[in-house]
Amino acid sequence: MRDLAGLDDRPAANVIPAMSETALAKVRALESLAASQPQQEIDTAHLFHAGLYARTIRIPAGVMITGALIKIPTVLIVSGDVVIYLDGEARELHGYHVFAASAGRKQAFVALADTDLTMLFPTAAKTIEAAERAFTDETDLLVSRRDTSFNTVTVTED
């Protein structure tokens, strides 16, 4: 496992590339295994502001999650201590990181400590459902769809 700490001064370290079909298949296999286990409820905070949608989750320490296949480029902010599975490689992240994250990725994360993930992108969407359809075709896999009582939503007039 490679540690990304200290690599932020190199431009390539701030980019999460699209994943190969082999890597995507590995995350899907992990997702299938995890689906048979008890599921952790995770709060999702949604923010609509100035033509942007930001979605933040906190992964509790010791919890593993897999994400939906992201079909558009986004910014991904990671704050905490986590193992992230990128294109065929697991890497540790410690601290605060801002990534240009490509379309065509489906990450797996294991939180070593409570870790916040925020994904944001420009959109004209005004509802959670429309924003989710804009970034993935796998909306049925989203925690925010399983139980909407774990969602908080902020919409500004800007």
N, C-alpha and C. Protein backbone atom coordinates (compact mmCIF):
# COMPACT_ATOMS: atom_id res chain seq x y z
N MET A 1 0.85 -1.16 0.00
CA MET A 1 0.00 0.00 0.00
C MET A 1 0.91 1.23 0.00
N ARG A 2 0.63 2.17 -0.85
CA ARG A 2 1.41 3.39 -0.98
C ARG A 2 0.76 4.52 -0.19
N ASP A 3 1.56 5.29 0.50
CA ASP A 3 1.07 6.42 1.29
C ASP A 3 1.18 7.68 0.45
N LEU A 4 0.09 8.43 0.29
CA LEU A 4 0.09 9.65 -0.51
C LEU A 4 0.49 10.88 0.30
N ALA A 5 0.70 10.73 1.61
CA ALA A 5 1.06 11.89 2.43
C ALA A 5 2.32 12.54 1.89
N GLY A 6 2.31 13.84 1.80
CA GLY A 6 3.49 14.57 1.35
C GLY A 6 3.61 14.69 -0.15
N LEU A 7 2.70 14.13 -0.90
CA LEU A 7 2.80 14.19 -2.36
C LEU A 7 2.00 15.33 -2.97
N ASP A 8 1.33 16.13 -2.14
CA ASP A 8 0.45 17.16 -2.66
C ASP A 8 1.16 18.23 -3.48
N ASP A 9 2.50 18.34 -3.35
CA ASP A 9 3.21 19.34 -4.14
C ASP A 9 3.44 18.88 -5.57
N ARG A 10 3.12 17.64 -5.86
CA ARG A 10 3.25 17.13 -7.22
C ARG A 10 1.88 17.10 -7.87
N PRO A 11 1.69 17.74 -9.02
CA PRO A 11 0.36 17.84 -9.61
C PRO A 11 -0.35 16.50 -9.81
N ALA A 12 0.37 15.46 -10.21
CA ALA A 12 -0.28 14.17 -10.46
C ALA A 12 -0.88 13.58 -9.19
N ALA A 13 -0.36 13.95 -8.02
CA ALA A 13 -0.88 13.42 -6.76
C ALA A 13 -2.26 13.97 -6.46
N ASN A 14 -2.65 15.06 -7.10
CA ASN A 14 -3.96 15.67 -6.84
C ASN A 14 -5.00 15.29 -7.87
N VAL A 15 -4.72 14.22 -8.63
CA VAL A 15 -5.65 13.75 -9.67
C VAL A 15 -6.02 12.31 -9.38
N ILE A 16 -7.30 12.02 -9.40
CA ILE A 16 -7.78 10.64 -9.33
C ILE A 16 -8.26 10.29 -10.74
N PRO A 17 -7.57 9.37 -11.41
CA PRO A 17 -7.91 9.04 -12.79
C PRO A 17 -9.13 8.12 -12.89
N ALA A 18 -9.64 7.98 -14.09
CA ALA A 18 -10.67 6.99 -14.37
C ALA A 18 -10.09 5.61 -14.07
N MET A 19 -10.93 4.66 -13.74
CA MET A 19 -10.46 3.32 -13.37
C MET A 19 -10.61 2.37 -14.54
N SER A 20 -9.72 1.41 -14.62
CA SER A 20 -9.79 0.37 -15.65
C SER A 20 -10.97 -0.55 -15.38
N GLU A 21 -11.37 -1.29 -16.37
CA GLU A 21 -12.48 -2.25 -16.19
C GLU A 21 -12.11 -3.30 -15.15
N THR A 22 -10.86 -3.70 -15.10
CA THR A 22 -10.41 -4.68 -14.10
C THR A 22 -10.56 -4.12 -12.70
N ALA A 23 -10.14 -2.90 -12.49
CA ALA A 23 -10.26 -2.27 -11.17
C ALA A 23 -11.73 -2.08 -10.79
N LEU A 24 -12.55 -1.65 -11.74
CA LEU A 24 -13.99 -1.49 -11.46
C LEU A 24 -14.61 -2.83 -11.07
N ALA A 25 -14.21 -3.91 -11.74
CA ALA A 25 -14.74 -5.24 -11.43
C ALA A 25 -14.35 -5.65 -10.01
N LYS A 26 -13.15 -5.30 -9.57
CA LYS A 26 -12.72 -5.62 -8.21
C LYS A 26 -13.58 -4.88 -7.18
N VAL A 27 -13.88 -3.62 -7.43
CA VAL A 27 -14.72 -2.86 -6.50
C VAL A 27 -16.13 -3.44 -6.50
N ARG A 28 -16.64 -3.83 -7.67
CA ARG A 28 -17.98 -4.43 -7.72
C ARG A 28 -18.03 -5.75 -6.95
N ALA A 29 -16.95 -6.55 -7.03
CA ALA A 29 -16.89 -7.81 -6.28
C ALA A 29 -16.88 -7.53 -4.78
N LEU A 30 -16.11 -6.55 -4.36
CA LEU A 30 -16.08 -6.16 -2.95
C LEU A 30 -17.45 -5.66 -2.51
N GLU A 31 -18.10 -4.88 -3.37
CA GLU A 31 -19.43 -4.36 -3.08
C GLU A 31 -20.43 -5.50 -2.87
N SER A 32 -20.34 -6.54 -3.70
CA SER A 32 -21.24 -7.70 -3.57
C SER A 32 -21.03 -8.41 -2.24
N LEU A 33 -19.77 -8.58 -1.85
CA LEU A 33 -19.47 -9.21 -0.56
C LEU A 33 -19.99 -8.36 0.59
N ALA A 34 -19.77 -7.07 0.52
CA ALA A 34 -20.18 -6.16 1.59
C ALA A 34 -21.71 -6.09 1.72
N ALA A 35 -22.42 -6.29 0.62
CA ALA A 35 -23.88 -6.18 0.64
C ALA A 35 -24.52 -7.23 1.55
N SER A 36 -23.82 -8.34 1.77
CA SER A 36 -24.37 -9.40 2.63
C SER A 36 -24.11 -9.14 4.11
N GLN A 37 -23.36 -8.09 4.42
CA GLN A 37 -23.02 -7.74 5.79
C GLN A 37 -23.98 -6.65 6.31
N PRO A 38 -24.06 -6.51 7.64
CA PRO A 38 -24.87 -5.40 8.18
C PRO A 38 -24.36 -4.07 7.63
N GLN A 39 -25.28 -3.18 7.31
CA GLN A 39 -24.91 -1.90 6.70
C GLN A 39 -24.86 -0.80 7.75
N GLN A 40 -23.86 0.04 7.64
CA GLN A 40 -23.69 1.20 8.52
C GLN A 40 -24.49 2.35 7.93
N GLU A 41 -25.32 2.98 8.74
CA GLU A 41 -26.03 4.17 8.28
C GLU A 41 -25.06 5.34 8.29
N ILE A 42 -25.01 6.06 7.20
CA ILE A 42 -24.09 7.18 7.06
C ILE A 42 -24.90 8.41 6.66
N ASP A 43 -24.74 9.49 7.44
CA ASP A 43 -25.41 10.74 7.13
C ASP A 43 -24.84 11.34 5.85
N THR A 44 -25.69 11.95 5.06
CA THR A 44 -25.25 12.67 3.86
C THR A 44 -25.75 14.10 3.97
N ALA A 45 -24.80 15.05 3.87
CA ALA A 45 -25.15 16.47 3.87
C ALA A 45 -25.08 16.96 2.44
N HIS A 46 -26.16 17.53 1.96
CA HIS A 46 -26.27 18.04 0.60
C HIS A 46 -26.30 19.57 0.65
N LEU A 47 -25.52 20.21 -0.21
CA LEU A 47 -25.50 21.67 -0.27
C LEU A 47 -25.62 22.10 -1.72
N PHE A 48 -26.60 22.95 -2.00
CA PHE A 48 -26.76 23.57 -3.31
C PHE A 48 -26.46 25.04 -3.15
N HIS A 49 -25.41 25.53 -3.82
CA HIS A 49 -25.01 26.93 -3.67
C HIS A 49 -24.27 27.39 -4.92
N ALA A 50 -24.65 28.53 -5.46
CA ALA A 50 -23.94 29.19 -6.57
C ALA A 50 -23.69 28.27 -7.75
N GLY A 51 -24.68 27.45 -8.08
CA GLY A 51 -24.56 26.55 -9.23
C GLY A 51 -23.70 25.32 -8.97
N LEU A 52 -23.40 25.07 -7.69
CA LEU A 52 -22.63 23.88 -7.31
C LEU A 52 -23.46 22.98 -6.42
N TYR A 53 -23.19 21.70 -6.51
CA TYR A 53 -23.75 20.71 -5.59
C TYR A 53 -22.58 20.09 -4.84
N ALA A 54 -22.65 20.10 -3.52
CA ALA A 54 -21.64 19.46 -2.67
C ALA A 54 -22.34 18.41 -1.82
N ARG A 55 -21.72 17.26 -1.72
CA ARG A 55 -22.28 16.12 -1.00
C ARG A 55 -21.20 15.63 -0.05
N THR A 56 -21.49 15.62 1.24
CA THR A 56 -20.50 15.25 2.24
C THR A 56 -21.01 14.08 3.07
N ILE A 57 -20.14 13.10 3.26
CA ILE A 57 -20.43 11.98 4.16
C ILE A 57 -19.27 11.85 5.15
N ARG A 58 -19.55 11.29 6.30
CA ARG A 58 -18.51 10.94 7.26
C ARG A 58 -18.51 9.43 7.38
N ILE A 59 -17.35 8.85 7.09
CA ILE A 59 -17.18 7.40 7.26
C ILE A 59 -16.60 7.19 8.66
N PRO A 60 -17.32 6.49 9.52
CA PRO A 60 -16.79 6.24 10.87
C PRO A 60 -15.55 5.34 10.81
N ALA A 61 -14.67 5.51 11.78
CA ALA A 61 -13.46 4.69 11.87
C ALA A 61 -13.83 3.21 11.82
N GLY A 62 -13.07 2.44 11.03
CA GLY A 62 -13.28 1.01 10.93
C GLY A 62 -14.32 0.58 9.91
N VAL A 63 -14.98 1.53 9.27
CA VAL A 63 -16.04 1.21 8.30
C VAL A 63 -15.48 1.24 6.88
N MET A 64 -15.91 0.27 6.07
CA MET A 64 -15.55 0.21 4.66
C MET A 64 -16.79 0.55 3.84
N ILE A 65 -16.62 1.40 2.83
CA ILE A 65 -17.72 1.69 1.91
C ILE A 65 -17.21 1.57 0.48
N THR A 66 -18.15 1.32 -0.40
CA THR A 66 -17.86 1.42 -1.83
C THR A 66 -18.81 2.48 -2.39
N GLY A 67 -18.34 3.20 -3.38
CA GLY A 67 -19.16 4.25 -3.97
C GLY A 67 -19.83 3.79 -5.24
N ALA A 68 -20.75 4.60 -5.70
CA ALA A 68 -21.39 4.38 -6.99
C ALA A 68 -20.41 4.75 -8.09
N LEU A 69 -20.63 4.25 -9.28
CA LEU A 69 -19.81 4.61 -10.43
C LEU A 69 -20.10 6.07 -10.79
N ILE A 70 -19.07 6.90 -10.72
CA ILE A 70 -19.21 8.33 -10.99
C ILE A 70 -19.00 8.56 -12.48
N LYS A 71 -20.00 9.19 -13.11
CA LYS A 71 -19.95 9.34 -14.57
C LYS A 71 -19.52 10.72 -15.05
N ILE A 72 -19.23 11.63 -14.12
CA ILE A 72 -18.79 12.97 -14.50
C ILE A 72 -17.54 13.34 -13.69
N PRO A 73 -16.73 14.27 -14.18
CA PRO A 73 -15.62 14.73 -13.35
C PRO A 73 -16.14 15.57 -12.19
N THR A 74 -15.50 15.42 -11.04
CA THR A 74 -15.89 16.17 -9.84
C THR A 74 -14.62 16.59 -9.10
N VAL A 75 -14.82 17.39 -8.08
CA VAL A 75 -13.76 17.64 -7.10
C VAL A 75 -14.08 16.73 -5.92
N LEU A 76 -13.07 16.06 -5.39
CA LEU A 76 -13.24 15.21 -4.22
C LEU A 76 -12.31 15.72 -3.13
N ILE A 77 -12.88 16.01 -1.96
CA ILE A 77 -12.10 16.47 -0.81
C ILE A 77 -12.16 15.36 0.24
N VAL A 78 -10.99 14.95 0.70
CA VAL A 78 -10.87 13.91 1.71
C VAL A 78 -10.21 14.53 2.93
N SER A 79 -10.85 14.36 4.10
CA SER A 79 -10.29 14.88 5.34
C SER A 79 -10.37 13.80 6.40
N GLY A 80 -9.22 13.26 6.78
CA GLY A 80 -9.17 12.20 7.78
C GLY A 80 -8.05 11.24 7.48
N ASP A 81 -8.23 10.02 7.92
CA ASP A 81 -7.26 8.95 7.69
C ASP A 81 -8.01 7.77 7.08
N VAL A 82 -7.64 7.43 5.85
CA VAL A 82 -8.42 6.46 5.09
C VAL A 82 -7.53 5.70 4.12
N VAL A 83 -7.95 4.48 3.82
CA VAL A 83 -7.34 3.73 2.73
C VAL A 83 -8.31 3.87 1.56
N ILE A 84 -7.79 4.28 0.41
CA ILE A 84 -8.61 4.46 -0.79
C ILE A 84 -8.09 3.51 -1.87
N TYR A 85 -9.02 2.83 -2.52
CA TYR A 85 -8.66 1.96 -3.63
C TYR A 85 -8.83 2.76 -4.91
N LEU A 86 -7.71 3.00 -5.57
CA LEU A 86 -7.72 3.71 -6.84
C LEU A 86 -7.65 2.69 -7.96
N ASP A 87 -7.09 3.01 -9.07
CA ASP A 87 -7.05 2.10 -10.22
C ASP A 87 -6.07 0.96 -9.97
N GLY A 88 -6.51 -0.06 -9.24
CA GLY A 88 -5.71 -1.24 -9.03
C GLY A 88 -4.75 -1.15 -7.86
N GLU A 89 -4.85 -0.10 -7.05
CA GLU A 89 -3.89 0.08 -5.96
C GLU A 89 -4.57 0.71 -4.75
N ALA A 90 -4.27 0.17 -3.56
CA ALA A 90 -4.76 0.76 -2.33
C ALA A 90 -3.70 1.74 -1.83
N ARG A 91 -4.16 2.91 -1.38
CA ARG A 91 -3.26 3.94 -0.88
C ARG A 91 -3.83 4.53 0.39
N GLU A 92 -2.94 4.90 1.29
CA GLU A 92 -3.36 5.57 2.51
C GLU A 92 -3.31 7.07 2.31
N LEU A 93 -4.32 7.73 2.83
CA LEU A 93 -4.35 9.19 2.87
C LEU A 93 -4.48 9.62 4.32
N HIS A 94 -3.71 10.62 4.70
CA HIS A 94 -3.77 11.17 6.05
C HIS A 94 -3.89 12.67 5.93
N GLY A 95 -4.86 13.25 6.64
CA GLY A 95 -5.00 14.70 6.62
C GLY A 95 -6.03 15.16 5.60
N TYR A 96 -5.75 16.31 5.01
CA TYR A 96 -6.69 17.00 4.12
C TYR A 96 -6.14 17.00 2.70
N HIS A 97 -6.96 16.54 1.74
CA HIS A 97 -6.55 16.45 0.33
C HIS A 97 -7.68 16.91 -0.57
N VAL A 98 -7.35 17.64 -1.62
CA VAL A 98 -8.32 18.08 -2.62
C VAL A 98 -7.88 17.49 -3.95
N PHE A 99 -8.79 16.74 -4.60
CA PHE A 99 -8.47 16.04 -5.83
C PHE A 99 -9.35 16.49 -7.00
N ALA A 100 -8.76 16.56 -8.18
CA ALA A 100 -9.51 16.61 -9.42
C ALA A 100 -9.81 15.14 -9.75
N ALA A 101 -11.06 14.76 -9.63
CA ALA A 101 -11.43 13.36 -9.76
C ALA A 101 -12.15 13.13 -11.08
N SER A 102 -11.63 12.22 -11.86
CA SER A 102 -12.13 11.97 -13.21
C SER A 102 -13.45 11.20 -13.19
N ALA A 103 -14.15 11.27 -14.30
CA ALA A 103 -15.32 10.41 -14.52
C ALA A 103 -14.81 8.97 -14.66
N GLY A 104 -15.70 8.00 -14.44
CA GLY A 104 -15.32 6.61 -14.64
C GLY A 104 -14.59 6.02 -13.45
N ARG A 105 -15.00 6.39 -12.25
CA ARG A 105 -14.37 5.83 -11.06
C ARG A 105 -15.43 5.32 -10.10
N LYS A 106 -15.06 4.31 -9.35
CA LYS A 106 -15.92 3.69 -8.35
C LYS A 106 -14.98 3.26 -7.23
N GLN A 107 -14.82 4.13 -6.26
CA GLN A 107 -13.83 3.90 -5.22
C GLN A 107 -14.35 3.01 -4.10
N ALA A 108 -13.39 2.42 -3.39
CA ALA A 108 -13.65 1.77 -2.11
C ALA A 108 -12.80 2.51 -1.08
N PHE A 109 -13.36 2.69 0.11
CA PHE A 109 -12.67 3.41 1.19
C PHE A 109 -12.79 2.59 2.47
N VAL A 110 -11.72 2.57 3.25
CA VAL A 110 -11.74 2.01 4.60
C VAL A 110 -11.23 3.11 5.51
N ALA A 111 -12.06 3.56 6.43
CA ALA A 111 -11.68 4.66 7.32
C ALA A 111 -10.83 4.12 8.46
N LEU A 112 -9.64 4.68 8.60
CA LEU A 112 -8.75 4.35 9.71
C LEU A 112 -9.11 5.18 10.93
N ALA A 113 -9.68 6.35 10.70
CA ALA A 113 -10.24 7.25 11.71
C ALA A 113 -11.48 7.86 11.05
N ASP A 114 -12.33 8.51 11.82
CA ASP A 114 -13.48 9.18 11.21
C ASP A 114 -12.97 10.06 10.07
N THR A 115 -13.57 9.89 8.89
CA THR A 115 -13.09 10.58 7.68
C THR A 115 -14.26 11.19 6.94
N ASP A 116 -14.10 12.45 6.55
CA ASP A 116 -15.11 13.15 5.76
C ASP A 116 -14.72 13.14 4.29
N LEU A 117 -15.70 12.87 3.43
CA LEU A 117 -15.54 12.94 1.98
C LEU A 117 -16.56 13.95 1.46
N THR A 118 -16.09 14.90 0.67
CA THR A 118 -16.99 15.85 0.02
C THR A 118 -16.73 15.81 -1.47
N MET A 119 -17.78 15.56 -2.24
CA MET A 119 -17.71 15.59 -3.69
C MET A 119 -18.52 16.80 -4.16
N LEU A 120 -17.97 17.57 -5.11
CA LEU A 120 -18.74 18.69 -5.62
C LEU A 120 -18.54 18.85 -7.12
N PHE A 121 -19.58 19.43 -7.74
CA PHE A 121 -19.56 19.66 -9.19
C PHE A 121 -20.60 20.71 -9.53
N PRO A 122 -20.38 21.39 -10.67
CA PRO A 122 -21.38 22.38 -11.12
C PRO A 122 -22.62 21.67 -11.65
N THR A 123 -23.78 22.25 -11.37
CA THR A 123 -25.03 21.65 -11.84
C THR A 123 -26.15 22.67 -11.78
N ALA A 124 -27.15 22.44 -12.59
CA ALA A 124 -28.38 23.23 -12.52
C ALA A 124 -29.43 22.53 -11.66
N ALA A 125 -29.08 21.34 -11.15
CA ALA A 125 -30.02 20.57 -10.32
C ALA A 125 -30.42 21.35 -9.09
N LYS A 126 -31.66 21.19 -8.68
CA LYS A 126 -32.19 21.86 -7.49
C LYS A 126 -32.69 20.86 -6.45
N THR A 127 -32.61 19.56 -6.77
CA THR A 127 -33.05 18.53 -5.84
C THR A 127 -31.94 17.48 -5.71
N ILE A 128 -31.99 16.77 -4.59
CA ILE A 128 -31.02 15.69 -4.37
C ILE A 128 -31.12 14.67 -5.50
N GLU A 129 -32.33 14.28 -5.83
CA GLU A 129 -32.52 13.24 -6.84
C GLU A 129 -31.93 13.66 -8.19
N ALA A 130 -32.17 14.90 -8.60
CA ALA A 130 -31.62 15.38 -9.88
C ALA A 130 -30.10 15.46 -9.83
N ALA A 131 -29.54 15.90 -8.72
CA ALA A 131 -28.08 15.96 -8.60
C ALA A 131 -27.47 14.57 -8.62
N GLU A 132 -28.11 13.62 -7.95
CA GLU A 132 -27.59 12.25 -7.94
C GLU A 132 -27.65 11.63 -9.33
N ARG A 133 -28.72 11.87 -10.06
CA ARG A 133 -28.80 11.35 -11.44
C ARG A 133 -27.74 11.98 -12.34
N ALA A 134 -27.33 13.21 -12.01
CA ALA A 134 -26.30 13.89 -12.82
C ALA A 134 -24.93 13.23 -12.65
N PHE A 135 -24.64 12.67 -11.48
CA PHE A 135 -23.29 12.11 -11.29
C PHE A 135 -23.20 10.60 -11.36
N THR A 136 -24.34 9.88 -11.30
CA THR A 136 -24.26 8.42 -11.39
C THR A 136 -25.55 7.83 -11.97
N ASP A 137 -25.39 6.68 -12.59
CA ASP A 137 -26.54 5.90 -13.02
C ASP A 137 -26.87 4.82 -11.99
N GLU A 138 -26.06 4.75 -10.92
CA GLU A 138 -26.25 3.76 -9.86
C GLU A 138 -26.88 4.40 -8.61
N THR A 139 -27.92 5.18 -8.81
CA THR A 139 -28.52 5.90 -7.68
C THR A 139 -29.09 4.94 -6.63
N ASP A 140 -29.45 3.74 -7.03
CA ASP A 140 -29.99 2.77 -6.08
C ASP A 140 -28.95 2.32 -5.05
N LEU A 141 -27.67 2.55 -5.32
CA LEU A 141 -26.61 2.16 -4.39
C LEU A 141 -26.28 3.25 -3.37
N LEU A 142 -26.82 4.43 -3.54
CA LEU A 142 -26.47 5.56 -2.70
C LEU A 142 -27.10 5.45 -1.31
N VAL A 143 -26.32 5.69 -0.29
CA VAL A 143 -26.81 5.66 1.10
C VAL A 143 -27.95 6.65 1.27
N SER A 144 -27.85 7.79 0.59
CA SER A 144 -28.88 8.83 0.71
C SER A 144 -30.23 8.38 0.16
N ARG A 145 -30.27 7.31 -0.62
CA ARG A 145 -31.53 6.79 -1.13
C ARG A 145 -32.13 5.72 -0.22
N ARG A 146 -31.28 5.05 0.59
CA ARG A 146 -31.77 3.96 1.45
C ARG A 146 -32.68 4.48 2.54
N ASP A 147 -32.31 5.58 3.16
CA ASP A 147 -33.11 6.15 4.25
C ASP A 147 -32.89 7.66 4.24
N THR A 148 -33.87 8.37 3.74
CA THR A 148 -33.72 9.82 3.58
C THR A 148 -33.69 10.57 4.91
N SER A 149 -34.00 9.88 6.01
CA SER A 149 -33.93 10.55 7.32
C SER A 149 -32.48 10.87 7.70
N PHE A 150 -31.52 10.30 7.00
CA PHE A 150 -30.11 10.56 7.26
C PHE A 150 -29.57 11.70 6.37
N ASN A 151 -30.44 12.35 5.60
CA ASN A 151 -30.04 13.45 4.73
C ASN A 151 -30.29 14.79 5.40
N THR A 152 -29.36 15.72 5.21
CA THR A 152 -29.61 17.12 5.53
C THR A 152 -29.36 17.90 4.25
N VAL A 153 -30.20 18.89 4.01
CA VAL A 153 -30.14 19.63 2.76
C VAL A 153 -30.09 21.13 3.05
N THR A 154 -29.16 21.81 2.38
CA THR A 154 -29.09 23.27 2.46
C THR A 154 -29.14 23.79 1.03
N VAL A 155 -30.06 24.71 0.78
CA VAL A 155 -30.18 25.35 -0.53
C VAL A 155 -30.12 26.85 -0.29
N THR A 156 -29.23 27.53 -0.99
CA THR A 156 -29.13 28.98 -0.85
C THR A 156 -29.78 29.65 -2.05
N GLU A 157 -29.98 30.91 -1.98
CA GLU A 157 -30.58 31.66 -3.08
C GLU A 157 -29.56 32.09 -4.12
N ASP A 158 -28.28 31.95 -3.80
CA ASP A 158 -27.21 32.39 -4.72
C ASP A 158 -27.05 31.42 -5.87
